[in-house]
Structure formats: C-alpha cells, structure tokens
C-alpha cells in the first residue's frame, strides 16, 4: 500500500508543532477511500498526544486536493459518503 500521509512531530521552538503532509504524488492529490483512511488515521494519532499543540495539514506541491478521485467513484457508488471512513468508526 502506498503511503499518502506523512507526519512530522516535534517541530517549532518548543517542539509542540506537527505537520501532516498529504501527497499522492500525482499533482492533483485527489481524495480516495484509501487517502481518507490514511488522513483519518493521522488525525487519530493525535488523540492522546499531549506534546503537540498545533497540527498543520499540508498538501502536495501543486494542489492541496482536487476533490474526490473519480476513478474510485464506482467503489462507493450507491453507498453513503460515511461508508468511506475507516472501519470501526
């Protein structure tokens, strides 16, 4: 599985800043079910993190996101949007 999300913690003068970088490497950063799972997991990784005060979400070099990946629309057609969330939510 390709990693679309990378987390850097301990940044800033007091080490309380984290950067979450979302980059699919395709210049448009379309959201897909897998990308949404990875972003959700990244957000959850901060639930018990008392060392981080600020989280900066950053996109790719050309775009943060161009919207939903249309190639994946067939995978979720007819299902509510919430079905794309991580299992167990």
Protein backbone atom coordinates (compact mmCIF):
# COMPACT_ATOMS: atom_id res chain seq x y z
CA UNK A 1 0.00 0.00 0.00
CA UNK A 2 1.25 3.45 -0.90
CA UNK A 3 1.65 5.95 1.91
CA UNK A 4 -0.04 9.25 1.07
CA UNK A 5 0.31 10.78 4.53
CA UNK A 6 3.48 11.54 6.45
CA UNK A 7 3.62 13.03 9.94
CA UNK A 8 6.46 15.12 11.35
CA UNK A 9 6.23 15.85 15.08
CA UNK A 10 8.37 17.85 17.48
CA UNK A 11 8.76 20.90 15.25
CA UNK A 12 8.92 24.54 16.28
CA UNK A 13 10.90 26.25 19.02
CA UNK A 14 9.26 24.20 21.79
CA UNK A 15 8.69 21.03 19.75
CA UNK A 16 4.90 21.35 20.01
CA UNK A 17 4.09 21.62 16.28
CA UNK A 18 3.34 18.74 13.93
CA UNK A 19 2.97 18.78 10.16
CA UNK A 20 0.76 16.24 8.38
CA UNK A 21 1.69 16.11 4.69
CA UNK A 22 -0.87 14.69 2.26
CA UNK A 23 0.74 13.96 -1.09
CA UNK A 24 -0.34 11.26 -3.54
CA UNK A 25 2.43 12.28 -5.92
CA UNK A 26 0.03 12.77 -8.82
CA UNK A 27 0.00 16.61 -8.77
CA UNK A 28 -3.75 16.84 -8.02
CA UNK A 29 -3.96 14.99 -4.69
CA UNK A 30 -7.41 13.56 -5.31
CA UNK A 31 -9.17 12.07 -2.30
CA UNK A 32 -9.80 8.34 -2.47
CA UNK A 33 -11.13 5.89 0.10
CA UNK A 34 -7.54 4.91 0.94
CA UNK A 35 -6.40 8.53 1.21
CA UNK A 36 -9.33 9.29 3.52
CA UNK A 37 -8.43 6.28 5.68
CA UNK A 38 -4.84 7.48 5.96
CA UNK A 39 -5.89 11.05 6.80
CA UNK A 40 -8.33 9.75 9.42
CA UNK A 41 -5.62 7.57 10.96
CA UNK A 42 -3.27 10.56 11.03
CA UNK A 43 -5.88 12.63 12.87
CA UNK A 44 -6.47 9.82 15.36
CA UNK A 45 -2.76 9.58 16.07
CA UNK A 46 -3.06 12.90 17.90
CA UNK A 47 -5.91 11.84 20.23
CA UNK A 48 -3.63 11.07 23.17
CA UNK A 49 -0.74 13.31 22.14
CA UNK A 50 -0.33 15.90 24.87
CA UNK A 51 3.03 17.04 23.45
CA UNK A 52 1.54 18.54 20.26
CA UNK A 53 -0.36 21.83 20.42
CA UNK A 54 -0.61 22.66 16.71
CA UNK A 55 -1.18 20.43 13.68
CA UNK A 56 -0.59 21.87 10.22
CA UNK A 57 -2.19 19.94 7.34
CA UNK A 58 -0.28 20.42 4.10
CA UNK A 59 -0.95 19.20 0.56
CA UNK A 60 1.21 18.47 -2.44
CA UNK A 61 3.39 20.99 -4.27
CA UNK A 62 0.72 21.92 -6.86
CA UNK A 63 -2.57 21.39 -5.02
CA UNK A 64 -3.91 20.53 -1.61
CA UNK A 65 -6.63 18.40 -3.23
CA UNK A 66 -8.62 18.45 -6.43
CA UNK A 67 -11.59 16.70 -4.84
CA UNK A 68 -12.69 13.08 -4.91
CA UNK A 69 -10.89 10.56 -7.16
CA UNK A 70 -13.45 9.85 -9.89
CA UNK A 71 -11.79 6.52 -10.75
CA UNK A 72 -12.83 5.33 -7.28
CA UNK A 73 -16.44 6.50 -7.63
CA UNK A 74 -17.56 3.03 -8.73
CA UNK A 75 -16.22 1.57 -5.48
CA UNK A 76 -18.50 3.76 -3.39
CA UNK A 77 -21.45 4.27 -5.78
CA UNK A 78 -24.76 3.85 -4.05
CA UNK A 79 -23.17 3.89 -0.61
CA UNK A 80 -23.40 6.83 1.75
CA UNK A 81 -20.29 9.02 1.96
CA UNK A 82 -19.71 7.81 5.51
CA UNK A 83 -19.00 4.34 4.20
CA UNK A 84 -15.59 5.55 3.08
CA UNK A 85 -14.49 6.16 6.67
CA UNK A 86 -12.12 3.83 8.43
CA UNK A 87 -13.51 0.54 9.62
CA UNK A 88 -14.63 0.70 13.21
CA UNK A 89 -15.71 4.33 13.19
